[in-house]
Amino acid sequence: MYKVNLLTRDGATIAFDAEPEETLLAAAERANIYPPSSCRQGGCGVCRVTAVSGDITLDAYSEAALSESARAAGETLLCCAHAQSDVTLHAPYDQQAVAFAPEPVRRATLVALEPAGASAMRLQLQYQDDPEHGRAAQFLAGQFAELELPGAGVKRAYSIASTPNWDGALEFLVRLQPQGAFSTYLRERAAPGDELIVHGPKGQFTLDDASLAPRWFVCGGTGLAPALSMLRQMAEFADARACRLFFGVNRVEEVFARDAIDALQAALPQLSVTLCVWKPESDWRGFTGTPAEAMAQALAGTTEQPDIYVCGPPALIDAVTRAAAGGAGRVFCEQFAPA
């Protein structure tokens, strides 16, 4: 039995014991400690942390979840890692992101759905009263949840676009995939009054409240959802720090959430917004290119060292990480996978 110390971003230490044959995630959960995780099979990277000291072996995992360079830098996956000595780990999230009870599984009612541009849908859900959890929607801005269709065996992960609230309201932005099971449900059968099961909240993509750096959000498509949640929380808290939003889509008709962005600019006068279209028509007046390219241009013209929060497909994550390597502060990532 080895000692494991998980050091969180805000300076807390969470300790548990681990047998060499169990994964660090299983060992933590045996102690009623639930770090952020999702697939539990080395495929998503949600449980990624950095090993500070100690010996660890890893089961098979996907390079999409843990690249060779990240592993070389000491990063590891709790769901695949086994302690071979006492271990100290550094987590890229605050203690608040760690649960000390099993993941909530709650029922919710679909109260509204509408198109969000040409290739996505906006969903509004309402938690049903729950004897254990009440009605409140409790999570950290930036986290995601898995939505399950009862009886259909379909469960998909989507970021929450709304902020925590006592009314139990949840908002999601879902990109429609051509053959996606959940996308097919949304296109063909979904209707207000449907019941869905919500697993979570999950994830470690949350604001670092201890940092005083400007916040830049770089989003591709429905990767806008967690940025909306974080910016809406900043608005609710009247947070005055500098912030920028780089939001990009492929075609002009895919642009969505303009009303939500306008509301944020009214509530956060310091918020600078750059709408980006990769392949626009000739009359487009916004930025032509990707949000990573827009961010790189902005970074080259400033002395700021912002914290960068990026959410979208792997290519966007890679481009932002490369562009930020020379001049930005820290980069926090949430990678989307087709579902």
Protein backbone atom coordinates (compact mmCIF):
# COMPACT_ATOMS: atom_id res chain seq x y z
CA MET A 1 0.00 0.00 0.00
CA TYR A 2 1.45 3.37 -1.03
CA LYS A 3 0.63 6.91 0.01
CA VAL A 4 -0.76 9.25 -2.66
CA ASN A 5 -0.93 13.03 -2.19
CA LEU A 6 -2.99 14.95 -4.74
CA LEU A 7 -2.08 18.67 -4.60
CA THR A 8 -4.81 20.87 -6.06
CA ARG A 9 -4.33 24.17 -7.91
CA ASP A 10 -5.51 26.17 -4.88
CA GLY A 11 -2.99 24.56 -2.52
CA ALA A 12 -5.07 21.84 -0.85
CA THR A 13 -3.69 18.34 -0.30
CA ILE A 14 -5.97 15.32 -0.74
CA ALA A 15 -4.41 12.08 0.52
CA PHE A 16 -5.37 8.44 -0.03
CA ASP A 17 -3.73 5.01 -0.13
CA ALA A 18 -3.30 2.92 -3.27
CA GLU A 19 -2.51 -0.72 -3.86
CA PRO A 20 -0.13 -1.33 -6.80
CA GLU A 21 -2.72 -3.41 -8.68
CA GLU A 22 -5.49 -0.77 -8.58
CA THR A 23 -5.57 2.41 -10.61
CA LEU A 24 -5.10 5.70 -8.78
CA LEU A 25 -8.66 6.65 -9.74
CA ALA A 26 -10.05 3.43 -8.25
CA ALA A 27 -7.95 3.92 -5.13
CA ALA A 28 -9.22 7.47 -4.68
CA GLU A 29 -12.84 6.39 -5.15
CA ARG A 30 -12.35 3.56 -2.64
CA ALA A 31 -11.58 6.37 -0.17
CA ASN A 32 -14.72 8.28 -1.25
CA ILE A 33 -12.64 10.82 -3.18
CA TYR A 34 -13.86 11.50 -6.73
CA PRO A 35 -11.44 13.53 -8.89
CA PRO A 36 -12.72 14.71 -12.29
CA SER A 37 -12.96 11.78 -14.72
CA SER A 38 -15.17 10.58 -17.55
CA CYS A 39 -14.40 7.59 -19.79
CA ARG A 40 -12.25 5.75 -17.21
CA GLN A 41 -10.47 3.95 -20.08
CA GLY A 42 -7.63 6.32 -20.97
CA GLY A 43 -9.52 7.84 -23.86
CA CYS A 44 -10.65 11.32 -22.83
CA GLY A 45 -7.92 12.89 -20.70
CA VAL A 46 -10.33 14.38 -18.15
CA CYS A 47 -8.45 12.73 -15.25
CA ARG A 48 -5.02 14.00 -16.37
CA VAL A 49 -2.68 15.22 -13.62
CA THR A 50 1.07 15.74 -13.31
CA ALA A 51 3.32 13.43 -11.30
CA VAL A 52 5.63 15.47 -9.07
CA SER A 53 7.40 12.54 -7.40
CA GLY A 54 7.20 8.77 -7.11
CA ASP A 55 7.09 5.84 -9.51
CA ILE A 56 4.03 5.16 -11.67
CA THR A 57 3.21 2.60 -14.33
CA LEU A 58 0.49 3.12 -16.92
CA ASP A 59 -2.00 0.78 -18.57
CA ALA A 60 -2.76 1.25 -22.28
CA TYR A 61 -4.28 4.63 -23.16
CA SER A 62 -5.08 6.82 -26.17
CA GLU A 63 -2.49 9.36 -27.31
CA ALA A 64 -5.42 11.74 -27.83
CA ALA A 65 -5.82 11.72 -24.04
CA LEU A 66 -2.11 11.87 -23.20
CA SER A 67 0.39 12.84 -25.87
CA GLU A 68 3.96 11.58 -25.87
CA SER A 69 5.25 15.04 -25.02
CA ALA A 70 2.76 15.44 -22.16
CA ARG A 71 3.79 12.08 -20.72
CA ALA A 72 7.44 13.05 -21.05
CA ALA A 73 6.62 16.21 -19.06
CA GLY A 74 5.27 14.07 -16.22
CA GLU A 75 1.57 14.12 -16.98
CA THR A 76 -0.41 10.95 -16.32
CA LEU A 77 -3.97 9.61 -16.28
CA LEU A 78 -5.49 8.63 -12.94
CA CYS A 79 -7.69 6.00 -14.62
CA CYS A 80 -4.64 4.16 -16.04
CA ALA A 81 -1.91 4.88 -13.49
CA HIS A 82 -0.65 2.49 -10.81
CA ALA A 83 1.55 3.59 -7.90
CA GLN A 84 4.80 1.70 -7.48
CA SER A 85 5.96 3.88 -4.57
CA ASP A 86 4.61 6.79 -2.54
CA VAL A 87 3.41 9.36 -5.10
CA THR A 88 2.77 13.10 -5.19
CA LEU A 89 0.55 14.49 -7.96
CA HIS A 90 -0.34 18.02 -9.00
CA ALA A 91 -3.90 18.59 -10.24
CA PRO A 92 -4.75 21.40 -12.72
CA TYR A 93 -7.96 22.24 -10.83
CA ASP A 94 -9.09 23.50 -7.44
CA GLN A 95 -10.25 21.35 -4.54
CA GLN A 96 -13.83 22.36 -5.41
CA ALA A 97 -13.63 20.22 -8.54
CA VAL A 98 -13.08 17.09 -6.43
CA ALA A 99 -16.23 15.41 -5.13
CA PHE A 100 -16.40 13.47 -1.90
CA ALA A 101 -19.55 11.55 -2.78
CA PRO A 102 -20.49 9.47 -5.86
CA GLU A 103 -21.42 11.33 -9.01
CA PRO A 104 -25.00 12.65 -8.95
CA VAL A 105 -27.40 10.99 -11.38
CA ARG A 106 -30.55 13.10 -11.74
CA ARG A 107 -33.63 13.33 -13.93
CA ALA A 108 -34.39 16.46 -15.92
CA THR A 109 -37.11 17.64 -18.27
CA LEU A 110 -36.36 19.12 -21.68
CA VAL A 111 -38.15 22.47 -21.58
CA ALA A 112 -36.93 24.05 -24.83
CA LEU A 113 -34.78 23.37 -27.87
CA GLU A 114 -33.99 25.54 -30.86
CA PRO A 115 -31.43 25.73 -33.68
CA ALA A 116 -28.13 27.42 -32.84
CA GLY A 117 -26.79 28.39 -36.23
CA ALA A 118 -26.84 25.91 -39.09
CA SER A 119 -25.22 22.96 -37.33
CA ALA A 120 -26.03 23.02 -33.63
CA MET A 121 -28.94 23.00 -31.20
CA ARG A 122 -29.52 24.88 -27.96
CA LEU A 123 -31.18 22.83 -25.22
CA GLN A 124 -32.72 24.04 -21.98
CA LEU A 125 -33.30 21.47 -19.25
CA GLN A 126 -34.97 21.69 -15.87
CA TYR A 127 -33.92 19.40 -13.03
CA GLN A 128 -36.79 17.51 -11.49
CA ASP A 129 -37.18 17.64 -7.71
CA ASP A 130 -34.84 15.12 -6.14
CA PRO A 131 -35.06 13.90 -2.51
CA GLU A 132 -31.27 13.72 -2.26
CA HIS A 133 -30.13 16.71 -4.31
CA GLY A 134 -33.14 19.03 -4.20
CA ARG A 135 -33.64 21.13 -7.34
CA ALA A 136 -30.49 23.28 -7.47
CA ALA A 137 -28.06 23.01 -10.38
CA GLN A 138 -24.73 22.85 -8.55
CA PHE A 139 -21.53 22.74 -10.59
CA LEU A 140 -18.48 24.85 -11.43
CA ALA A 141 -18.63 27.14 -14.44
CA GLY A 142 -16.88 25.33 -17.29
CA GLN A 143 -17.78 21.78 -16.26
CA PHE A 144 -19.75 19.32 -18.40
CA ALA A 145 -22.41 16.66 -17.83
CA GLU A 146 -23.38 13.48 -19.63
CA LEU A 147 -26.94 13.41 -20.98
CA GLU A 148 -28.64 10.00 -21.24
CA LEU A 149 -31.78 9.08 -23.14
CA PRO A 150 -33.72 6.79 -20.76
CA GLY A 151 -33.99 3.25 -22.07
CA ALA A 152 -32.04 3.97 -25.26
CA GLY A 153 -28.50 3.21 -24.11
CA VAL A 154 -27.35 6.59 -25.45
CA LYS A 155 -25.19 8.82 -23.24
CA ARG A 156 -23.13 11.78 -24.48
CA ALA A 157 -21.01 14.47 -22.80
CA TYR A 158 -21.77 18.16 -23.35
CA SER A 159 -20.49 21.31 -21.65
CA ILE A 160 -22.92 23.37 -19.60
CA ALA A 161 -23.44 26.89 -20.96
CA SER A 162 -25.41 28.28 -18.01
CA THR A 163 -24.21 29.13 -14.50
CA PRO A 164 -24.94 27.37 -11.19
CA ASN A 165 -28.40 28.29 -9.86
CA TRP A 166 -30.99 27.34 -7.29
CA ASP A 167 -33.76 26.91 -9.88
CA GLY A 168 -32.28 23.76 -11.46
CA ALA A 169 -31.95 25.25 -14.96
CA LEU A 170 -29.34 23.91 -17.38
CA GLU A 171 -28.39 25.07 -20.88
CA PHE A 172 -26.40 23.05 -23.42
CA LEU A 173 -25.15 23.72 -26.96
CA VAL A 174 -24.92 20.52 -29.00
CA ARG A 175 -23.22 20.21 -32.40
CA LEU A 176 -25.29 17.99 -34.69
CA GLN A 177 -23.28 15.07 -36.05
CA PRO A 178 -24.42 13.38 -39.29
CA GLN A 179 -24.78 9.89 -37.78
CA GLY A 180 -24.67 10.75 -34.09
CA ALA A 181 -27.18 8.88 -31.94
CA PHE A 182 -27.95 11.88 -29.71
CA SER A 183 -27.95 14.19 -32.74
CA THR A 184 -30.49 11.93 -34.47
CA TYR A 185 -32.70 12.11 -31.40
CA LEU A 186 -32.50 15.91 -31.43
CA ARG A 187 -33.28 16.14 -35.16
CA GLU A 188 -36.09 13.62 -35.32
CA ARG A 189 -37.80 13.02 -31.99
CA ALA A 190 -36.88 15.49 -29.27
CA ALA A 191 -39.72 17.59 -27.88
CA PRO A 192 -40.37 19.69 -24.77
CA GLY A 193 -41.50 17.44 -21.96
CA ASP A 194 -39.02 14.66 -22.76
CA GLU A 195 -37.18 13.25 -19.77
CA LEU A 196 -33.38 12.98 -19.80
CA ILE A 197 -30.95 11.64 -17.21
CA VAL A 198 -28.07 13.93 -16.24
CA HIS A 199 -24.80 12.37 -15.02
CA GLY A 200 -22.48 14.82 -13.36
CA PRO A 201 -21.25 17.50 -13.13
CA LYS A 202 -17.87 16.37 -14.42
CA GLY A 203 -14.60 17.84 -15.62
CA GLN A 204 -11.70 20.02 -14.57
CA PHE A 205 -12.05 22.88 -17.10
CA THR A 206 -12.78 25.60 -14.56
CA LEU A 207 -11.64 29.13 -13.82
CA ASP A 208 -8.54 29.67 -11.73
CA ASP A 209 -9.96 32.26 -9.36
CA ALA A 210 -6.58 32.73 -7.64
CA SER A 211 -4.97 34.05 -10.82
CA LEU A 212 -5.03 37.80 -11.45
CA ALA A 213 -4.08 37.42 -15.12
CA PRO A 214 -6.42 38.58 -17.92
CA ARG A 215 -8.64 35.79 -19.20
CA TRP A 216 -8.77 34.95 -22.89
CA PHE A 217 -11.33 32.41 -24.12
CA VAL A 218 -10.71 30.68 -27.45
CA CYS A 219 -13.64 28.61 -28.71
CA GLY A 220 -14.49 26.58 -31.80
CA GLY A 221 -18.17 25.89 -32.52
CA THR A 222 -20.05 24.58 -29.50
CA GLY A 223 -16.82 24.90 -27.56
CA LEU A 224 -18.39 28.28 -26.83
CA ALA A 225 -20.58 26.64 -24.15
CA PRO A 226 -18.09 26.51 -21.26
CA ALA A 227 -16.81 30.00 -22.14
CA LEU A 228 -20.37 31.32 -21.92
CA SER A 229 -20.71 29.69 -18.51
CA MET A 230 -17.44 31.19 -17.25
CA LEU A 231 -18.13 34.66 -18.69
CA ARG A 232 -21.69 34.64 -17.36
CA GLN A 233 -20.31 33.83 -13.93
CA MET A 234 -17.85 36.73 -14.25
CA ALA A 235 -20.82 38.96 -15.09
CA GLU A 236 -22.82 37.71 -12.09
CA PHE A 237 -19.84 38.42 -9.83
CA ALA A 238 -19.15 41.83 -11.48
CA ASP A 239 -15.60 40.64 -12.14
CA ALA A 240 -13.70 43.60 -13.60
CA ARG A 241 -10.58 41.84 -14.87
CA ALA A 242 -9.70 42.11 -18.57
CA CYS A 243 -11.15 39.39 -20.76
CA ARG A 244 -11.34 38.53 -24.45
CA LEU A 245 -13.41 36.04 -26.43
CA PHE A 246 -12.27 34.55 -29.75
CA PHE A 247 -15.18 32.52 -31.16
CA GLY A 248 -14.90 30.76 -34.49
CA VAL A 249 -16.96 28.66 -36.90
CA ASN A 250 -16.38 27.33 -40.41
CA ARG A 251 -19.12 29.23 -42.29
CA VAL A 252 -21.10 32.40 -41.62
CA GLU A 253 -24.40 30.50 -41.28
CA GLU A 254 -22.89 28.52 -38.39
CA VAL A 255 -22.47 31.62 -36.20
CA PHE A 256 -24.81 31.44 -33.20
CA ALA A 257 -25.37 32.87 -29.71
CA ARG A 258 -24.96 36.49 -30.87
CA ASP A 259 -27.67 37.55 -28.39
CA ALA A 260 -25.87 35.84 -25.52
CA ILE A 261 -22.56 37.45 -26.53
CA ASP A 262 -24.22 40.89 -26.82
CA ALA A 263 -25.66 40.43 -23.31
CA LEU A 264 -22.22 39.56 -21.99
CA GLN A 265 -20.65 42.64 -23.59
CA ALA A 266 -23.33 44.78 -21.94
CA ALA A 267 -22.65 43.17 -18.55
CA LEU A 268 -18.85 43.08 -18.97
CA PRO A 269 -17.85 46.35 -20.71
CA GLN A 270 -14.19 45.26 -20.68
CA LEU A 271 -14.99 42.15 -22.74
CA SER A 272 -13.50 42.27 -26.24
CA VAL A 273 -15.08 39.86 -28.75
CA THR A 274 -13.61 38.61 -32.04
CA LEU A 275 -15.96 36.58 -34.25
CA CYS A 276 -14.00 34.40 -36.66
CA VAL A 277 -15.18 32.59 -39.78
CA TRP A 278 -12.77 30.22 -41.48
CA LYS A 279 -14.37 30.22 -44.96
CA PRO A 280 -16.69 33.25 -45.19
CA GLU A 281 -18.58 34.73 -48.09
CA SER A 282 -17.20 37.94 -49.61
CA ASP A 283 -19.40 40.26 -47.54
CA TRP A 284 -18.12 39.01 -44.15
CA ARG A 285 -16.83 41.92 -42.07
CA GLY A 286 -15.42 39.99 -39.14
CA PHE A 287 -12.10 38.14 -38.80
CA THR A 288 -11.35 35.65 -41.57
CA GLY A 289 -9.53 32.63 -40.20
CA THR A 290 -9.57 30.47 -37.11
CA PRO A 291 -9.91 31.69 -33.52
CA ALA A 292 -6.39 30.35 -32.91
CA GLU A 293 -5.07 32.66 -35.65
CA ALA A 294 -7.00 35.62 -34.22
CA MET A 295 -5.65 34.88 -30.76
CA ALA A 296 -2.08 34.60 -32.10
CA GLN A 297 -2.39 38.02 -33.78
CA ALA A 298 -3.73 39.57 -30.58
CA LEU A 299 -1.00 37.94 -28.52
CA ALA A 300 1.68 39.32 -30.84
CA GLY A 301 0.36 42.84 -30.31
CA THR A 302 0.18 42.92 -26.52
CA THR A 303 2.45 42.68 -23.51
CA GLU A 304 -0.28 40.90 -21.53
CA GLN A 305 0.35 37.35 -20.39
CA PRO A 306 -3.21 36.07 -20.19
CA ASP A 307 -4.53 32.79 -18.89
CA ILE A 308 -5.97 31.15 -22.00
CA TYR A 309 -9.03 28.90 -21.78
CA VAL A 310 -9.48 26.97 -25.02
CA CYS A 311 -12.31 24.58 -25.92
CA GLY A 312 -12.92 22.85 -29.23
CA PRO A 313 -11.59 20.12 -31.52
CA PRO A 314 -8.04 18.74 -31.18
CA ALA A 315 -6.69 20.87 -34.06
CA LEU A 316 -7.78 24.05 -32.27
CA ILE A 317 -6.23 22.92 -28.99
CA ASP A 318 -2.94 22.16 -30.75
CA ALA A 319 -2.90 25.46 -32.65
CA VAL A 320 -3.62 27.55 -29.55
CA THR A 321 -1.06 25.67 -27.47
CA ARG A 322 1.62 26.24 -30.12
CA ALA A 323 0.72 29.92 -30.56
CA ALA A 324 0.71 30.54 -26.83
CA ALA A 325 4.01 28.80 -26.18
CA GLY A 326 6.10 31.92 -26.65
CA GLY A 327 4.23 34.60 -24.80
CA ALA A 328 1.05 33.70 -22.96
CA GLY A 329 0.58 32.61 -19.40
CA ARG A 330 -1.02 29.26 -18.75
CA VAL A 331 -3.27 27.38 -21.17
CA PHE A 332 -6.28 25.43 -19.89
CA CYS A 333 -7.84 23.01 -22.38
CA GLU A 334 -11.10 21.15 -22.91
CA GLN A 335 -11.04 18.96 -26.00
CA PHE A 336 -14.22 18.04 -27.85
CA ALA A 337 -14.71 14.68 -29.56
CA PRO A 338 -17.50 13.95 -32.10
CA ALA A 339 -20.52 12.31 -30.45
